[in-house]
Amino acid sequence: MDGGSVKERKEELIREAATLGHDYLARYKGCAQTTLLAVAETLNMEINNDVFKAMIGLSGKTGGCGGLCGATAAIGLRFGLGPSEFEKEPEVRFKIYGAIKEVRERFMEEYGSYLCSDIQRKLFGRAFDSTIPGEQAAFEKANGLEKCSKITEKASMWTVKAILRAESSQ
């Protein structure tokens, strides 16, 4: 592949991740699993049901934005190693940390934070807590899924960019 077609393919992957990141939130209702799945499908990474199930708990204001949690999981999935391999190559963590930092910095530039409650305050003027009765209905009334789908769209796009950049620097 020539340089132009490589660049075009990367741009196509970034657009695909953005589209899936946006569209999947309505289907899966959680930023973390949406972002992870969008990136994984875009880059042909396999996710088993247990990984998807584990991501559900990282959505819903556990602290960091679920989009960043999903991005972190996708980057780890792409570059991480199993326990025995990791013992032989622990320096792989620096590639992972660098890619995660790149995505986290994009959150800071765009939203001024990577914490869910801070981002919600910026987007909605308040933060929602779906564990409190009535809060999920208020979130939905505020068009929360659509507004948050813009976050998972960006998170998915930023993550694919970070992964592709990390791969090209190998």
N, C-alpha and C. Protein backbone atom coordinates (compact mmCIF):
# COMPACT_ATOMS: atom_id res chain seq x y z
N MET A 1 0.83 -1.17 0.00
CA MET A 1 0.00 0.00 0.00
C MET A 1 0.88 1.24 0.00
N ASP A 2 0.54 2.22 -0.83
CA ASP A 2 1.31 3.44 -0.82
C ASP A 2 0.89 4.32 0.34
N GLY A 3 1.68 5.38 0.59
CA GLY A 3 1.43 6.25 1.73
C GLY A 3 0.04 6.87 1.72
N GLY A 4 -0.45 7.26 0.52
CA GLY A 4 -1.77 7.86 0.42
C GLY A 4 -2.86 6.90 0.80
N SER A 5 -2.76 5.65 0.33
CA SER A 5 -3.81 4.69 0.66
C SER A 5 -3.74 4.24 2.11
N VAL A 6 -2.55 4.23 2.70
CA VAL A 6 -2.43 3.93 4.13
C VAL A 6 -3.12 5.02 4.93
N LYS A 7 -2.88 6.27 4.56
CA LYS A 7 -3.51 7.39 5.26
C LYS A 7 -5.02 7.34 5.08
N GLU A 8 -5.48 7.05 3.88
CA GLU A 8 -6.92 6.95 3.61
C GLU A 8 -7.54 5.83 4.43
N ARG A 9 -6.85 4.70 4.54
CA ARG A 9 -7.38 3.57 5.32
C ARG A 9 -7.47 3.94 6.79
N LYS A 10 -6.46 4.63 7.31
CA LYS A 10 -6.50 5.06 8.71
C LYS A 10 -7.67 6.02 8.94
N GLU A 11 -7.87 6.95 8.03
CA GLU A 11 -8.98 7.89 8.15
C GLU A 11 -10.32 7.17 8.09
N GLU A 12 -10.41 6.15 7.25
CA GLU A 12 -11.63 5.33 7.16
C GLU A 12 -11.90 4.62 8.48
N LEU A 13 -10.86 4.07 9.08
CA LEU A 13 -11.01 3.38 10.37
C LEU A 13 -11.46 4.36 11.46
N ILE A 14 -10.91 5.55 11.45
CA ILE A 14 -11.27 6.55 12.45
C ILE A 14 -12.73 6.94 12.28
N ARG A 15 -13.17 7.13 11.05
CA ARG A 15 -14.59 7.46 10.79
C ARG A 15 -15.51 6.31 11.22
N GLU A 16 -15.10 5.08 10.92
CA GLU A 16 -15.90 3.92 11.30
C GLU A 16 -16.05 3.84 12.82
N ALA A 17 -14.95 4.05 13.54
CA ALA A 17 -15.01 4.02 15.01
C ALA A 17 -15.93 5.11 15.53
N ALA A 18 -15.85 6.29 14.95
CA ALA A 18 -16.71 7.40 15.39
C ALA A 18 -18.18 7.05 15.18
N THR A 19 -18.50 6.50 14.02
CA THR A 19 -19.90 6.13 13.72
C THR A 19 -20.40 5.08 14.69
N LEU A 20 -19.62 4.02 14.88
CA LEU A 20 -20.04 2.97 15.81
C LEU A 20 -20.13 3.51 17.24
N GLY A 21 -19.17 4.32 17.63
CA GLY A 21 -19.19 4.89 18.97
C GLY A 21 -20.43 5.73 19.22
N HIS A 22 -20.88 6.41 18.20
CA HIS A 22 -22.11 7.21 18.32
C HIS A 22 -23.33 6.29 18.36
N ASP A 23 -23.42 5.39 17.39
CA ASP A 23 -24.63 4.59 17.22
C ASP A 23 -24.84 3.54 18.31
N TYR A 24 -23.76 2.99 18.85
CA TYR A 24 -23.89 1.91 19.81
C TYR A 24 -24.42 2.37 21.17
N LEU A 25 -24.28 3.64 21.51
CA LEU A 25 -24.74 4.06 22.83
C LEU A 25 -26.25 3.86 22.99
N ALA A 26 -27.01 4.14 21.95
CA ALA A 26 -28.46 3.92 22.01
C ALA A 26 -28.78 2.45 22.23
N ARG A 27 -27.95 1.59 21.71
CA ARG A 27 -28.17 0.14 21.80
C ARG A 27 -27.69 -0.45 23.13
N TYR A 28 -26.51 -0.04 23.59
CA TYR A 28 -25.89 -0.67 24.76
C TYR A 28 -25.98 0.16 26.03
N LYS A 29 -26.37 1.42 25.93
CA LYS A 29 -26.70 2.29 27.07
C LYS A 29 -25.56 2.63 28.01
N GLY A 30 -24.37 2.22 27.73
CA GLY A 30 -23.24 2.50 28.62
C GLY A 30 -22.03 2.95 27.81
N CYS A 31 -21.42 4.03 28.28
CA CYS A 31 -20.29 4.63 27.56
C CYS A 31 -19.10 3.68 27.46
N ALA A 32 -18.80 2.96 28.52
CA ALA A 32 -17.61 2.11 28.54
C ALA A 32 -17.72 0.95 27.55
N GLN A 33 -18.81 0.20 27.64
CA GLN A 33 -18.94 -0.94 26.73
C GLN A 33 -19.13 -0.48 25.29
N THR A 34 -19.78 0.66 25.10
CA THR A 34 -19.97 1.20 23.75
C THR A 34 -18.63 1.54 23.12
N THR A 35 -17.80 2.27 23.85
CA THR A 35 -16.50 2.68 23.31
C THR A 35 -15.62 1.47 23.04
N LEU A 36 -15.55 0.56 23.99
CA LEU A 36 -14.73 -0.64 23.78
C LEU A 36 -15.20 -1.42 22.56
N LEU A 37 -16.48 -1.64 22.44
CA LEU A 37 -17.01 -2.43 21.33
C LEU A 37 -16.78 -1.72 19.99
N ALA A 38 -16.98 -0.41 19.95
CA ALA A 38 -16.77 0.34 18.70
C ALA A 38 -15.32 0.23 18.24
N VAL A 39 -14.38 0.39 19.16
CA VAL A 39 -12.96 0.30 18.80
C VAL A 39 -12.61 -1.13 18.40
N ALA A 40 -13.07 -2.08 19.19
CA ALA A 40 -12.74 -3.49 18.91
C ALA A 40 -13.27 -3.93 17.55
N GLU A 41 -14.49 -3.57 17.24
CA GLU A 41 -15.04 -3.96 15.94
C GLU A 41 -14.31 -3.26 14.80
N THR A 42 -13.98 -2.01 15.00
CA THR A 42 -13.27 -1.26 13.96
C THR A 42 -11.91 -1.88 13.66
N LEU A 43 -11.22 -2.31 14.69
CA LEU A 43 -9.86 -2.84 14.52
C LEU A 43 -9.79 -4.37 14.54
N ASN A 44 -10.94 -5.01 14.40
CA ASN A 44 -11.02 -6.48 14.37
C ASN A 44 -10.39 -7.13 15.59
N MET A 45 -10.69 -6.59 16.75
CA MET A 45 -10.22 -7.16 18.01
C MET A 45 -11.36 -7.96 18.60
N GLU A 46 -11.05 -9.11 19.13
CA GLU A 46 -12.08 -9.98 19.68
C GLU A 46 -12.39 -9.62 21.13
N ILE A 47 -13.67 -9.52 21.44
CA ILE A 47 -14.11 -9.29 22.82
C ILE A 47 -15.05 -10.43 23.19
N ASN A 48 -14.75 -11.10 24.28
CA ASN A 48 -15.68 -12.14 24.70
C ASN A 48 -16.76 -11.53 25.61
N ASN A 49 -17.77 -12.31 25.88
CA ASN A 49 -18.90 -11.83 26.69
C ASN A 49 -18.48 -11.37 28.08
N ASP A 50 -17.49 -12.04 28.68
CA ASP A 50 -17.06 -11.67 30.02
C ASP A 50 -16.45 -10.27 30.05
N VAL A 51 -15.67 -9.95 29.03
CA VAL A 51 -15.08 -8.61 28.96
C VAL A 51 -16.18 -7.57 28.79
N PHE A 52 -17.12 -7.83 27.89
CA PHE A 52 -18.23 -6.90 27.69
C PHE A 52 -19.01 -6.70 28.99
N LYS A 53 -19.29 -7.79 29.69
CA LYS A 53 -20.03 -7.70 30.95
C LYS A 53 -19.26 -6.89 31.98
N ALA A 54 -17.94 -7.07 32.03
CA ALA A 54 -17.13 -6.33 33.00
C ALA A 54 -17.15 -4.84 32.73
N MET A 55 -17.30 -4.45 31.48
CA MET A 55 -17.31 -3.04 31.12
C MET A 55 -18.57 -2.32 31.60
N ILE A 56 -19.65 -3.04 31.75
CA ILE A 56 -20.91 -2.41 32.14
C ILE A 56 -20.75 -1.65 33.46
N GLY A 57 -20.01 -2.21 34.39
CA GLY A 57 -19.80 -1.56 35.68
C GLY A 57 -18.94 -0.32 35.61
N LEU A 58 -18.29 -0.07 34.49
CA LEU A 58 -17.44 1.12 34.35
C LEU A 58 -18.18 2.29 33.72
N SER A 59 -19.44 2.08 33.41
CA SER A 59 -20.30 3.17 32.93
C SER A 59 -21.12 3.67 34.10
N GLY A 60 -21.75 4.79 33.96
CA GLY A 60 -22.67 5.24 35.00
C GLY A 60 -22.02 5.93 36.16
N LYS A 61 -21.08 6.81 35.89
CA LYS A 61 -20.47 7.66 36.90
C LYS A 61 -19.73 6.90 37.99
N THR A 62 -18.93 5.94 37.60
CA THR A 62 -18.07 5.27 38.57
C THR A 62 -16.87 6.14 38.89
N GLY A 63 -16.75 7.25 38.23
CA GLY A 63 -15.63 8.16 38.42
C GLY A 63 -15.24 8.75 37.08
N GLY A 64 -14.30 8.08 36.42
CA GLY A 64 -13.90 8.52 35.10
C GLY A 64 -15.02 8.32 34.10
N CYS A 65 -15.00 9.11 33.05
CA CYS A 65 -16.00 8.95 32.00
C CYS A 65 -15.93 7.53 31.46
N GLY A 66 -17.09 6.92 31.25
CA GLY A 66 -17.13 5.57 30.69
C GLY A 66 -16.44 5.51 29.33
N GLY A 67 -16.50 6.60 28.58
CA GLY A 67 -15.81 6.63 27.28
C GLY A 67 -14.31 6.45 27.46
N LEU A 68 -13.74 7.09 28.47
CA LEU A 68 -12.31 6.92 28.74
C LEU A 68 -12.03 5.53 29.30
N CYS A 69 -12.93 5.00 30.11
CA CYS A 69 -12.76 3.64 30.63
C CYS A 69 -12.76 2.64 29.48
N GLY A 70 -13.69 2.79 28.54
CA GLY A 70 -13.73 1.92 27.38
C GLY A 70 -12.50 2.06 26.52
N ALA A 71 -12.02 3.30 26.37
CA ALA A 71 -10.80 3.56 25.61
C ALA A 71 -9.61 2.85 26.26
N THR A 72 -9.53 2.97 27.57
CA THR A 72 -8.44 2.34 28.32
C THR A 72 -8.47 0.82 28.14
N ALA A 73 -9.65 0.24 28.21
CA ALA A 73 -9.78 -1.20 28.02
C ALA A 73 -9.41 -1.60 26.60
N ALA A 74 -9.82 -0.82 25.61
CA ALA A 74 -9.51 -1.15 24.21
C ALA A 74 -8.01 -1.09 23.96
N ILE A 75 -7.35 -0.10 24.51
CA ILE A 75 -5.90 0.03 24.34
C ILE A 75 -5.20 -1.14 25.03
N GLY A 76 -5.63 -1.48 26.23
CA GLY A 76 -5.05 -2.64 26.92
C GLY A 76 -5.29 -3.92 26.16
N LEU A 77 -6.48 -4.06 25.61
CA LEU A 77 -6.80 -5.26 24.82
C LEU A 77 -5.91 -5.35 23.59
N ARG A 78 -5.65 -4.22 22.95
CA ARG A 78 -4.84 -4.21 21.74
C ARG A 78 -3.38 -4.54 22.02
N PHE A 79 -2.82 -3.97 23.07
CA PHE A 79 -1.37 -4.09 23.31
C PHE A 79 -0.99 -4.94 24.51
N GLY A 80 -1.95 -5.24 25.38
CA GLY A 80 -1.64 -5.95 26.61
C GLY A 80 -1.23 -7.40 26.36
N LEU A 81 -0.67 -7.98 27.38
CA LEU A 81 -0.19 -9.36 27.33
C LEU A 81 -0.77 -10.13 28.50
N GLY A 82 -0.83 -11.45 28.35
CA GLY A 82 -1.24 -12.30 29.45
C GLY A 82 -0.17 -12.32 30.52
N PRO A 83 -0.48 -12.89 31.69
CA PRO A 83 0.46 -12.85 32.82
C PRO A 83 1.85 -13.38 32.50
N SER A 84 1.97 -14.52 31.86
CA SER A 84 3.31 -15.07 31.62
C SER A 84 4.08 -14.25 30.59
N GLU A 85 3.38 -13.75 29.56
CA GLU A 85 4.05 -12.91 28.56
C GLU A 85 4.44 -11.57 29.16
N PHE A 86 3.57 -11.03 30.02
CA PHE A 86 3.84 -9.74 30.63
C PHE A 86 5.10 -9.80 31.49
N GLU A 87 5.30 -10.91 32.19
CA GLU A 87 6.50 -11.05 33.02
C GLU A 87 7.76 -10.93 32.18
N LYS A 88 7.70 -11.35 30.92
CA LYS A 88 8.85 -11.29 30.02
C LYS A 88 8.99 -9.93 29.34
N GLU A 89 7.89 -9.19 29.19
CA GLU A 89 7.90 -7.90 28.49
C GLU A 89 7.13 -6.84 29.26
N PRO A 90 7.48 -6.56 30.50
CA PRO A 90 6.70 -5.59 31.28
C PRO A 90 6.75 -4.17 30.70
N GLU A 91 7.75 -3.88 29.87
CA GLU A 91 7.85 -2.53 29.29
C GLU A 91 6.72 -2.21 28.32
N VAL A 92 5.93 -3.21 27.92
CA VAL A 92 4.79 -2.95 27.06
C VAL A 92 3.82 -1.98 27.72
N ARG A 93 3.84 -1.93 29.03
CA ARG A 93 2.92 -1.03 29.73
C ARG A 93 3.16 0.42 29.36
N PHE A 94 4.38 0.78 28.98
CA PHE A 94 4.65 2.17 28.65
C PHE A 94 3.97 2.58 27.34
N LYS A 95 3.88 1.66 26.41
CA LYS A 95 3.14 1.94 25.18
C LYS A 95 1.65 2.13 25.51
N ILE A 96 1.15 1.29 26.38
CA ILE A 96 -0.25 1.37 26.80
C ILE A 96 -0.50 2.69 27.52
N TYR A 97 0.35 3.03 28.46
CA TYR A 97 0.19 4.27 29.22
C TYR A 97 0.22 5.48 28.29
N GLY A 98 1.13 5.46 27.31
CA GLY A 98 1.24 6.58 26.38
C GLY A 98 -0.02 6.78 25.55
N ALA A 99 -0.58 5.68 25.06
CA ALA A 99 -1.80 5.77 24.25
C ALA A 99 -2.98 6.24 25.10
N ILE A 100 -3.08 5.74 26.33
CA ILE A 100 -4.15 6.17 27.23
C ILE A 100 -4.00 7.65 27.55
N LYS A 101 -2.78 8.09 27.79
CA LYS A 101 -2.54 9.50 28.09
C LYS A 101 -3.00 10.37 26.92
N GLU A 102 -2.74 9.93 25.71
CA GLU A 102 -3.16 10.68 24.53
C GLU A 102 -4.68 10.87 24.51
N VAL A 103 -5.42 9.81 24.80
CA VAL A 103 -6.88 9.90 24.81
C VAL A 103 -7.34 10.77 25.99
N ARG A 104 -6.75 10.56 27.15
CA ARG A 104 -7.12 11.36 28.33
C ARG A 104 -6.89 12.85 28.07
N GLU A 105 -5.80 13.20 27.41
CA GLU A 105 -5.52 14.59 27.10
C GLU A 105 -6.56 15.17 26.14
N ARG A 106 -7.07 14.36 25.23
CA ARG A 106 -8.13 14.82 24.34
C ARG A 106 -9.41 15.13 25.14
N PHE A 107 -9.70 14.29 26.13
CA PHE A 107 -10.84 14.57 27.01
C PHE A 107 -10.63 15.91 27.74
N MET A 108 -9.43 16.14 28.22
CA MET A 108 -9.15 17.38 28.93
C MET A 108 -9.31 18.59 28.00
N GLU A 109 -8.81 18.48 26.78
CA GLU A 109 -8.93 19.58 25.82
C GLU A 109 -10.40 19.86 25.48
N GLU A 110 -11.15 18.80 25.26
CA GLU A 110 -12.54 18.93 24.81
C GLU A 110 -13.51 19.29 25.93
N TYR A 111 -13.34 18.65 27.09
CA TYR A 111 -14.33 18.78 28.16
C TYR A 111 -13.79 19.43 29.43
N GLY A 112 -12.48 19.62 29.51
CA GLY A 112 -11.89 20.19 30.71
C GLY A 112 -11.76 19.19 31.85
N SER A 113 -12.11 17.93 31.58
CA SER A 113 -12.06 16.89 32.59
C SER A 113 -12.23 15.53 31.91
N TYR A 114 -11.89 14.50 32.62
CA TYR A 114 -12.21 13.15 32.16
C TYR A 114 -13.12 12.46 33.18
N LEU A 115 -13.66 13.23 34.12
CA LEU A 115 -14.60 12.70 35.10
C LEU A 115 -16.02 12.87 34.58
N CYS A 116 -16.81 11.83 34.71
CA CYS A 116 -18.18 11.83 34.20
C CYS A 116 -18.99 13.00 34.75
N SER A 117 -18.96 13.21 36.05
CA SER A 117 -19.79 14.26 36.64
C SER A 117 -19.39 15.64 36.13
N ASP A 118 -18.10 15.88 35.94
CA ASP A 118 -17.64 17.17 35.40
C ASP A 118 -18.11 17.36 33.96
N ILE A 119 -18.01 16.31 33.17
CA ILE A 119 -18.45 16.39 31.77
C ILE A 119 -19.95 16.61 31.71
N GLN A 120 -20.69 15.92 32.56
CA GLN A 120 -22.14 16.13 32.58
C GLN A 120 -22.48 17.56 32.98
N ARG A 121 -21.78 18.11 33.94
CA ARG A 121 -22.05 19.50 34.33
C ARG A 121 -21.81 20.44 33.16
N LYS A 122 -20.77 20.16 32.38
CA LYS A 122 -20.48 21.00 31.22
C LYS A 122 -21.58 20.86 30.16
N LEU A 123 -22.04 19.64 29.92
CA LEU A 123 -23.03 19.40 28.86
C LEU A 123 -24.45 19.74 29.28
N PHE A 124 -24.80 19.47 30.53
CA PHE A 124 -26.19 19.59 30.98
C PHE A 124 -26.42 20.68 32.02
N GLY A 125 -25.33 21.21 32.55
CA GLY A 125 -25.48 22.17 33.64
C GLY A 125 -25.65 21.52 34.99
N ARG A 126 -25.60 20.22 35.02
CA ARG A 126 -25.72 19.44 36.26
C ARG A 126 -25.26 18.02 35.98
N ALA A 127 -25.01 17.28 37.06
CA ALA A 127 -24.66 15.87 36.94
C ALA A 127 -25.85 15.02 37.37
N PHE A 128 -25.99 13.87 36.75
CA PHE A 128 -27.08 12.95 37.06
C PHE A 128 -26.51 11.75 37.81
N ASP A 129 -27.32 11.15 38.67
CA ASP A 129 -26.92 9.94 39.39
C ASP A 129 -28.04 8.93 39.21
N SER A 130 -27.84 7.98 38.31
CA SER A 130 -28.91 7.04 37.96
C SER A 130 -29.24 6.06 39.08
N THR A 131 -28.49 6.09 40.18
CA THR A 131 -28.85 5.25 41.32
C THR A 131 -29.92 5.91 42.18
N ILE A 132 -30.22 7.17 41.90
CA ILE A 132 -31.26 7.90 42.64
C ILE A 132 -32.54 7.87 41.83
N PRO A 133 -33.66 7.49 42.46
CA PRO A 133 -34.93 7.44 41.72
C PRO A 133 -35.22 8.77 41.00
N GLY A 134 -35.62 8.65 39.76
CA GLY A 134 -35.98 9.82 38.97
C GLY A 134 -34.84 10.42 38.18
N GLU A 135 -33.61 10.11 38.56
CA GLU A 135 -32.47 10.71 37.87
C GLU A 135 -32.31 10.19 36.43
N GLN A 136 -32.56 8.89 36.22
CA GLN A 136 -32.45 8.35 34.87
C GLN A 136 -33.50 9.00 33.96
N ALA A 137 -34.69 9.19 34.47
CA ALA A 137 -35.74 9.85 33.69
C ALA A 137 -35.34 11.29 33.37
N ALA A 138 -34.73 11.98 34.32
CA ALA A 138 -34.28 13.36 34.10
C ALA A 138 -33.16 13.39 33.05
N PHE A 139 -32.26 12.41 33.11
CA PHE A 139 -31.18 12.29 32.12
C PHE A 139 -31.77 12.10 30.73
N GLU A 140 -32.73 11.21 30.62
CA GLU A 140 -33.35 10.95 29.33
C GLU A 140 -34.12 12.17 28.82
N LYS A 141 -34.81 12.87 29.72
CA LYS A 141 -35.55 14.08 29.34
C LYS A 141 -34.59 15.16 28.83
N ALA A 142 -33.37 15.18 29.36
CA ALA A 142 -32.35 16.16 28.94
C ALA A 142 -31.64 15.72 27.66
N ASN A 143 -32.17 14.67 27.02
CA ASN A 143 -31.57 14.13 25.79
C ASN A 143 -30.17 13.58 26.06
N GLY A 144 -30.03 12.96 27.21
CA GLY A 144 -28.74 12.48 27.67
C GLY A 144 -28.05 11.48 26.77
N LEU A 145 -28.79 10.49 26.28
CA LEU A 145 -28.14 9.49 25.43
C LEU A 145 -27.59 10.11 24.16
N GLU A 146 -28.33 11.02 23.56
CA GLU A 146 -27.82 11.65 22.34
C GLU A 146 -26.60 12.51 22.62
N LYS A 147 -26.64 13.28 23.71
CA LYS A 147 -25.49 14.11 24.05
C LYS A 147 -24.28 13.25 24.41
N CYS A 148 -24.51 12.19 25.15
CA CYS A 148 -23.40 11.33 25.53
C CYS A 148 -22.90 10.49 24.35
N SER A 149 -23.75 10.25 23.36
CA SER A 149 -23.29 9.51 22.18
C SER A 149 -22.23 10.32 21.42
N LYS A 150 -22.24 11.63 21.57
CA LYS A 150 -21.18 12.45 20.97
C LYS A 150 -19.85 12.20 21.68
N ILE A 151 -19.94 11.91 22.98
CA ILE A 151 -18.73 11.61 23.74
C ILE A 151 -18.17 10.25 23.33
N THR A 152 -19.03 9.24 23.24
CA THR A 152 -18.53 7.91 22.85
C THR A 152 -18.06 7.92 21.40
N GLU A 153 -18.65 8.76 20.59
CA GLU A 153 -18.18 8.93 19.21
C GLU A 153 -16.74 9.44 19.21
N LYS A 154 -16.52 10.51 19.98
CA LYS A 154 -15.17 11.09 20.04
C LYS A 154 -14.19 10.15 20.73
N ALA A 155 -14.62 9.53 21.82
CA ALA A 155 -13.73 8.61 22.54
C ALA A 155 -13.28 7.46 21.63
N SER A 156 -14.20 6.92 20.86
CA SER A 156 -13.87 5.82 19.95
C SER A 156 -12.89 6.29 18.88
N MET A 157 -13.14 7.46 18.33
CA MET A 157 -12.28 8.03 17.30
C MET A 157 -10.88 8.30 17.87
N TRP A 158 -10.82 8.96 19.02
CA TRP A 158 -9.53 9.27 19.63
C TRP A 158 -8.75 8.01 19.96
N THR A 159 -9.46 6.96 20.38
CA THR A 159 -8.80 5.71 20.75
C THR A 159 -8.20 5.03 19.53
N VAL A 160 -8.95 4.97 18.45
CA VAL A 160 -8.40 4.37 17.23
C VAL A 160 -7.19 5.17 16.76
N LYS A 161 -7.27 6.48 16.80
CA LYS A 161 -6.12 7.32 16.42
C LYS A 161 -4.91 6.99 17.29
N ALA A 162 -5.12 6.90 18.60
CA ALA A 162 -4.01 6.62 19.52
C ALA A 162 -3.41 5.24 19.26
N ILE A 163 -4.26 4.26 19.00
CA ILE A 163 -3.78 2.90 18.73
C ILE A 163 -2.99 2.89 17.42
N LEU A 164 -3.52 3.50 16.39
CA LEU A 164 -2.82 3.52 15.10
C LEU A 164 -1.48 4.25 15.21
N ARG A 165 -1.45 5.34 15.98
CA ARG A 165 -0.19 6.06 16.18
C ARG A 165 0.82 5.19 16.94
N ALA A 166 0.35 4.50 17.97
CA ALA A 166 1.24 3.63 18.74
C ALA A 166 1.76 2.48 17.88
N GLU A 167 0.90 1.95 17.03
CA GLU A 167 1.34 0.86 16.15
C GLU A 167 2.35 1.33 15.11
N SER A 168 2.17 2.54 14.63
CA SER A 168 3.10 3.04 13.60
C SER A 168 4.44 3.43 14.19
N SER A 169 4.53 3.57 15.51
CA SER A 169 5.80 3.92 16.14
C SER A 169 6.57 2.70 16.63
N GLN A 170 6.07 1.53 16.30
CA GLN A 170 6.73 0.28 16.75
C GLN A 170 8.04 0.07 16.05
